[in-house]
């Protein structure tokens, strides 16, 4: 079809594909800053105890990295930078907006046929996954094939996200344990110097610092980032599930009213749409 035909089809249903909003997840960053700030404030409001000890930092930080590396392959670990980036950056889809866009596509297919969807490539390219899903339908795959391909893509995505989150989750479990190991090392060194009572207090403080570092790293940093990755994964899974249901419906050439009901059954109550009202 020509650009004029594409514009006409888009105008018939007011079709506009919105690309996902991508940017820093300021809630995550603000939460980390506030949590670290509260701990720092509590330290500064206390006495003049020294809360920085290099051996303790090395045991906790490097030890956590080393033990976590043992649990995973090199291919998984080299994506660690991307994993942290995914927890600090977010690609936000609005489920209700996506559902309306899918209903628009269903209306185009209903009025103009499946091949009419291929003329909307300019709009669809704003969302690569949606563009791929529509391409599968317009290539002539039946509904069963569409369901199988998109379902496998969704399963593969969830598995990648699950393993990414599991790395941070594993590190959050290791960090407090490494803190405890550092404390035990410090206690052994302290007990070896019991003949010098004046060294017991400072030695105990240094020993406890590793537990402190491990608790901060595991509880304040790593565990929340793992939870955020899991939350982001669930959100993207919902969006891809909506796309899959829509493509199956379009491939079956079903009535768009039925598709609206199917999409609303997956959407959260506050995100449900009323397309035909």
Protein backbone atom coordinates (compact mmCIF):
# COMPACT_ATOMS: atom_id res chain seq x y z
CA UNK A 1 0.00 0.00 0.00
CA UNK A 2 1.05 3.60 -0.46
CA UNK A 3 1.74 6.10 2.26
CA UNK A 4 -1.68 7.64 1.54
CA UNK A 5 -3.38 4.31 2.17
CA UNK A 6 -1.41 3.89 5.38
CA UNK A 7 -2.43 7.34 6.55
CA UNK A 8 -6.04 6.61 5.66
CA UNK A 9 -6.08 3.33 7.57
CA UNK A 10 -4.42 4.96 10.58
CA UNK A 11 -6.94 7.79 10.51
CA UNK A 12 -9.90 5.39 10.38
CA UNK A 13 -9.14 4.13 13.89
CA UNK A 14 -6.85 6.93 15.07
CA UNK A 15 -3.98 4.42 15.20
CA UNK A 16 -0.90 5.71 17.00
CA UNK A 17 1.66 3.29 18.42
CA UNK A 18 3.40 4.67 21.49
CA UNK A 19 7.00 3.67 22.07
CA UNK A 20 7.72 2.69 25.70
CA UNK A 21 8.97 5.40 28.03
CA UNK A 22 12.60 4.64 28.82
CA UNK A 23 14.59 6.45 31.48
CA UNK A 24 16.09 6.38 34.92
CA UNK A 25 13.96 4.75 37.57
CA UNK A 26 14.07 7.65 39.99
CA UNK A 27 12.05 5.79 42.63
CA UNK A 28 14.80 3.17 42.89
CA UNK A 29 17.58 5.74 42.95
CA UNK A 30 15.77 7.93 45.48
CA UNK A 31 15.07 4.93 47.70
CA UNK A 32 18.74 3.91 47.69
CA UNK A 33 19.87 7.45 48.45
CA UNK A 34 17.39 7.84 51.30
CA UNK A 35 18.29 4.47 52.84
CA UNK A 36 22.03 5.13 52.65
CA UNK A 37 21.48 8.70 53.83
CA UNK A 38 19.56 7.56 56.93
CA UNK A 39 22.35 5.16 57.89
CA UNK A 40 24.98 7.83 57.27
CA UNK A 41 23.04 10.37 59.34
CA UNK A 42 22.75 7.92 62.22
CA UNK A 43 26.50 7.35 62.09
CA UNK A 44 27.28 11.07 62.04
CA UNK A 45 24.92 11.77 64.95
CA UNK A 46 26.67 9.18 67.08
CA UNK A 47 30.13 9.27 68.64
CA UNK A 48 33.41 9.53 66.79
CA UNK A 49 33.73 5.80 66.10
CA UNK A 50 35.45 4.98 62.82
CA UNK A 51 33.02 3.12 60.54
CA UNK A 52 35.48 2.60 57.72
CA UNK A 53 37.78 -0.39 57.65
CA UNK A 54 39.47 -1.49 54.43
CA UNK A 55 39.91 -5.22 55.31
CA UNK A 56 36.21 -5.41 56.21
CA UNK A 57 35.21 -3.80 52.92
CA UNK A 58 37.41 -6.19 50.96
CA UNK A 59 36.01 -9.25 52.71
CA UNK A 60 32.40 -8.23 52.14
CA UNK A 61 32.51 -6.68 48.67
CA UNK A 62 35.12 -8.85 46.97
CA UNK A 63 34.01 -11.93 48.89
CA UNK A 64 30.40 -11.44 47.79
CA UNK A 65 31.48 -11.06 44.17
CA UNK A 66 33.72 -14.13 44.34
CA UNK A 67 31.15 -16.42 45.95
CA UNK A 68 28.41 -15.23 43.58
CA UNK A 69 30.70 -15.96 40.62
CA UNK A 70 31.03 -19.57 41.77
CA UNK A 71 27.28 -20.05 41.38
CA UNK A 72 27.01 -18.88 37.75
CA UNK A 73 28.70 -19.25 34.40
CA UNK A 74 30.88 -16.63 32.75
CA UNK A 75 28.23 -15.97 30.09
CA UNK A 76 25.72 -15.10 32.80
CA UNK A 77 28.12 -13.00 34.84
CA UNK A 78 29.38 -10.87 31.95
CA UNK A 79 25.85 -9.52 31.61
CA UNK A 80 26.02 -8.22 35.19
CA UNK A 81 26.46 -4.60 34.06
CA UNK A 82 23.32 -4.87 31.97
CA UNK A 83 21.47 -6.44 34.88
CA UNK A 84 22.27 -3.51 37.15
CA UNK A 85 21.32 -1.13 34.34
CA UNK A 86 17.96 -2.85 33.94
CA UNK A 87 17.24 -2.30 37.62
CA UNK A 88 18.12 1.41 37.47
CA UNK A 89 16.53 2.10 34.09
CA UNK A 90 12.95 1.25 33.25
CA UNK A 91 11.00 0.76 30.03
CA UNK A 92 7.52 1.67 31.13
CA UNK A 93 4.45 0.58 29.20
CA UNK A 94 0.97 1.71 30.18
CA UNK A 95 -1.13 -1.47 29.99
CA UNK A 96 -4.36 0.39 29.17
CA UNK A 97 -2.63 2.29 26.34
CA UNK A 98 -1.17 -0.91 24.93
CA UNK A 99 -4.58 -2.60 25.11
CA UNK A 100 -6.20 0.24 23.14
CA UNK A 101 -3.45 0.07 20.52
CA UNK A 102 -4.05 -3.65 20.15
CA UNK A 103 -7.77 -3.03 19.76
CA UNK A 104 -6.97 -0.49 17.03
CA UNK A 105 -4.93 -3.12 15.20
CA UNK A 106 -7.77 -5.60 15.55
CA UNK A 107 -10.17 -3.07 14.05
CA UNK A 108 -7.82 -2.45 11.10
CA UNK A 109 -7.60 -6.20 10.46
CA UNK A 110 -11.38 -6.53 10.79
CA UNK A 111 -12.18 -3.72 8.36
CA UNK A 112 -9.34 -4.04 5.84
CA UNK A 113 -7.98 -7.58 6.20
CA UNK A 114 -4.82 -8.97 7.74
CA UNK A 115 -2.57 -7.67 4.99
CA UNK A 116 -3.59 -4.11 5.85
CA UNK A 117 -1.51 -4.46 9.02
CA UNK A 118 1.67 -4.73 6.97
CA UNK A 119 1.10 -1.20 5.67
CA UNK A 120 1.40 0.18 9.21
CA UNK A 121 5.10 -0.61 9.50
CA UNK A 122 6.03 3.02 10.16
CA UNK A 123 3.94 3.13 13.34
CA UNK A 124 4.71 -0.42 14.39
CA UNK A 125 8.47 0.12 14.28
CA UNK A 126 8.10 2.27 17.38
CA UNK A 127 7.61 -0.98 19.31
CA UNK A 128 9.95 -3.73 18.03
CA UNK A 129 8.18 -6.61 19.80
CA UNK A 130 4.75 -5.56 18.56
CA UNK A 131 6.15 -5.13 15.07
CA UNK A 132 7.57 -8.66 15.16
CA UNK A 133 4.29 -10.09 16.44
CA UNK A 134 2.28 -8.37 13.69
CA UNK A 135 4.79 -9.59 11.09
CA UNK A 136 4.17 -13.17 12.20
CA UNK A 137 0.43 -12.71 11.68
CA UNK A 138 0.72 -11.01 8.30
CA UNK A 139 3.14 -13.73 7.11
CA UNK A 140 0.20 -16.12 7.18
CA UNK A 141 0.87 -18.17 10.31
CA UNK A 142 -2.25 -19.74 11.77
CA UNK A 143 -3.40 -18.99 15.31
CA UNK A 144 -1.72 -22.10 16.77
CA UNK A 145 1.63 -21.18 15.26
CA UNK A 146 1.28 -17.58 16.42
CA UNK A 147 0.51 -18.77 19.94
CA UNK A 148 3.45 -21.19 19.96
CA UNK A 149 6.02 -18.68 18.65
CA UNK A 150 4.96 -15.81 20.91
CA UNK A 151 4.58 -18.10 23.92
CA UNK A 152 8.12 -19.43 23.42
CA UNK A 153 9.42 -15.87 23.14
CA UNK A 154 7.64 -14.97 26.38
CA UNK A 155 9.00 -18.04 28.19
CA UNK A 156 12.54 -17.26 27.00
CA UNK A 157 12.21 -13.64 28.16
CA UNK A 158 10.96 -14.68 31.59
CA UNK A 159 13.78 -17.20 31.96
CA UNK A 160 16.40 -14.55 31.13
CA UNK A 161 14.85 -12.14 33.60
CA UNK A 162 14.57 -14.85 36.25
CA UNK A 163 18.24 -15.72 36.00
CA UNK A 164 19.23 -12.05 36.01
CA UNK A 165 17.25 -11.44 39.19
CA UNK A 166 18.61 -14.64 40.72
CA UNK A 167 22.18 -13.30 40.45
CA UNK A 168 21.32 -10.25 42.53
CA UNK A 169 19.18 -12.38 44.86
CA UNK A 170 22.09 -14.77 45.38
CA UNK A 171 24.49 -11.88 46.03
CA UNK A 172 22.05 -10.43 48.60
CA UNK A 173 22.16 -13.75 50.46
CA UNK A 174 25.95 -14.03 50.28
CA UNK A 175 26.76 -10.50 51.49
CA UNK A 176 25.51 -10.93 55.11
CA UNK A 177 27.22 -14.33 55.27
CA UNK A 178 30.51 -12.79 54.18
CA UNK A 179 29.98 -10.15 56.84
CA UNK A 180 29.62 -12.87 59.44
CA UNK A 181 32.77 -14.60 58.18
CA UNK A 182 34.67 -11.33 58.48
CA UNK A 183 33.37 -10.91 62.02
CA UNK A 184 34.57 -14.39 62.97
CA UNK A 185 38.01 -13.60 61.55
CA UNK A 186 38.08 -10.40 63.62
CA UNK A 187 36.96 -12.23 66.77
CA UNK A 188 39.71 -14.81 66.39
CA UNK A 189 42.27 -12.02 66.06
CA UNK A 190 40.78 -10.27 69.08
CA UNK A 191 40.87 -13.40 71.24
CA UNK A 192 44.52 -13.84 70.33
CA UNK A 193 45.22 -10.48 72.00
CA UNK A 194 43.34 -10.94 75.29
CA UNK A 195 46.52 -10.21 77.18
CA UNK A 196 46.05 -6.57 76.09
CA UNK A 197 42.65 -5.46 77.51
CA UNK A 198 42.84 -2.05 75.86
CA UNK A 199 42.79 -3.62 72.38
CA UNK A 200 39.62 -5.65 72.99
CA UNK A 201 37.17 -2.77 72.42
CA UNK A 202 38.67 -1.47 69.15
CA UNK A 203 39.18 -5.02 67.87
CA UNK A 204 35.55 -5.91 68.58
CA UNK A 205 34.37 -2.77 66.77
CA UNK A 206 36.40 -3.66 63.69
CA UNK A 207 35.10 -7.24 63.78
CA UNK A 208 31.48 -6.08 63.88
CA UNK A 209 32.01 -3.71 60.94
CA UNK A 210 32.06 -6.61 58.48
CA UNK A 211 28.61 -7.71 59.69
CA UNK A 212 27.48 -4.11 59.31
CA UNK A 213 28.82 -3.87 55.75
CA UNK A 214 27.29 -7.22 54.80
CA UNK A 215 23.87 -6.23 56.14
CA UNK A 216 23.95 -2.90 54.31
CA UNK A 217 25.07 -4.39 51.00
CA UNK A 218 22.63 -7.31 51.11
CA UNK A 219 19.54 -5.70 52.63
CA UNK A 220 19.72 -2.10 51.45
CA UNK A 221 21.25 -2.51 47.98
CA UNK A 222 21.15 -5.97 46.43
CA UNK A 223 17.82 -7.38 47.66
CA UNK A 224 15.78 -4.29 46.62
CA UNK A 225 17.45 -4.27 43.18
CA UNK A 226 16.56 -7.95 42.73
CA UNK A 227 12.97 -7.22 43.72
CA UNK A 228 12.83 -4.33 41.24
CA UNK A 229 14.09 -6.58 38.44
CA UNK A 230 11.38 -9.12 39.25
CA UNK A 231 8.74 -6.38 39.29
CA UNK A 232 9.91 -5.02 35.92
CA UNK A 233 9.91 -8.54 34.51
CA UNK A 234 6.31 -9.14 35.62
CA UNK A 235 5.26 -5.84 34.05
CA UNK A 236 6.86 -6.66 30.70
CA UNK A 237 5.40 -10.17 30.86
CA UNK A 238 1.91 -8.66 31.17
CA UNK A 239 2.47 -6.46 28.11
CA UNK A 240 3.77 -9.34 26.01
CA UNK A 241 0.91 -11.54 27.12
CA UNK A 242 -1.55 -8.87 25.94
CA UNK A 243 0.21 -8.72 22.57
CA UNK A 244 0.11 -12.50 22.26
CA UNK A 245 -3.62 -12.69 23.04
CA UNK A 246 -4.32 -9.93 20.52
CA UNK A 247 -2.30 -11.56 17.75
CA UNK A 248 -4.01 -14.92 18.33
CA UNK A 249 -7.40 -13.21 18.14
CA UNK A 250 -6.46 -11.33 14.97
CA UNK A 251 -5.08 -14.50 13.35
CA UNK A 252 -8.38 -16.23 14.15
CA UNK A 253 -10.23 -13.21 12.69
CA UNK A 254 -12.36 -13.00 15.81
CA UNK A 255 -14.75 -10.21 16.67
CA UNK A 256 -12.81 -7.34 18.35
CA UNK A 257 -15.45 -7.26 21.09
CA UNK A 258 -14.28 -10.68 22.19
CA UNK A 259 -10.68 -9.47 22.17
CA UNK A 260 -11.65 -6.56 24.42
CA UNK A 261 -13.08 -9.04 26.92
CA UNK A 262 -9.93 -11.19 26.78
CA UNK A 263 -7.61 -8.22 27.28
CA UNK A 264 -9.66 -6.91 30.21
CA UNK A 265 -9.45 -10.32 31.85
CA UNK A 266 -5.65 -9.92 32.01
CA UNK A 267 -5.49 -6.23 32.84
CA UNK A 268 -5.52 -4.97 36.44
CA UNK A 269 -8.97 -3.60 37.40
CA UNK A 270 -7.87 0.05 37.23
CA UNK A 271 -6.34 -0.45 33.77
CA UNK A 272 -9.32 -2.11 32.06
CA UNK A 273 -10.61 -0.43 28.93
CA UNK A 274 -14.04 0.24 27.42
CA UNK A 275 -13.14 0.48 23.77
CA UNK A 276 -16.63 0.34 22.25
CA UNK A 277 -18.37 2.67 24.75
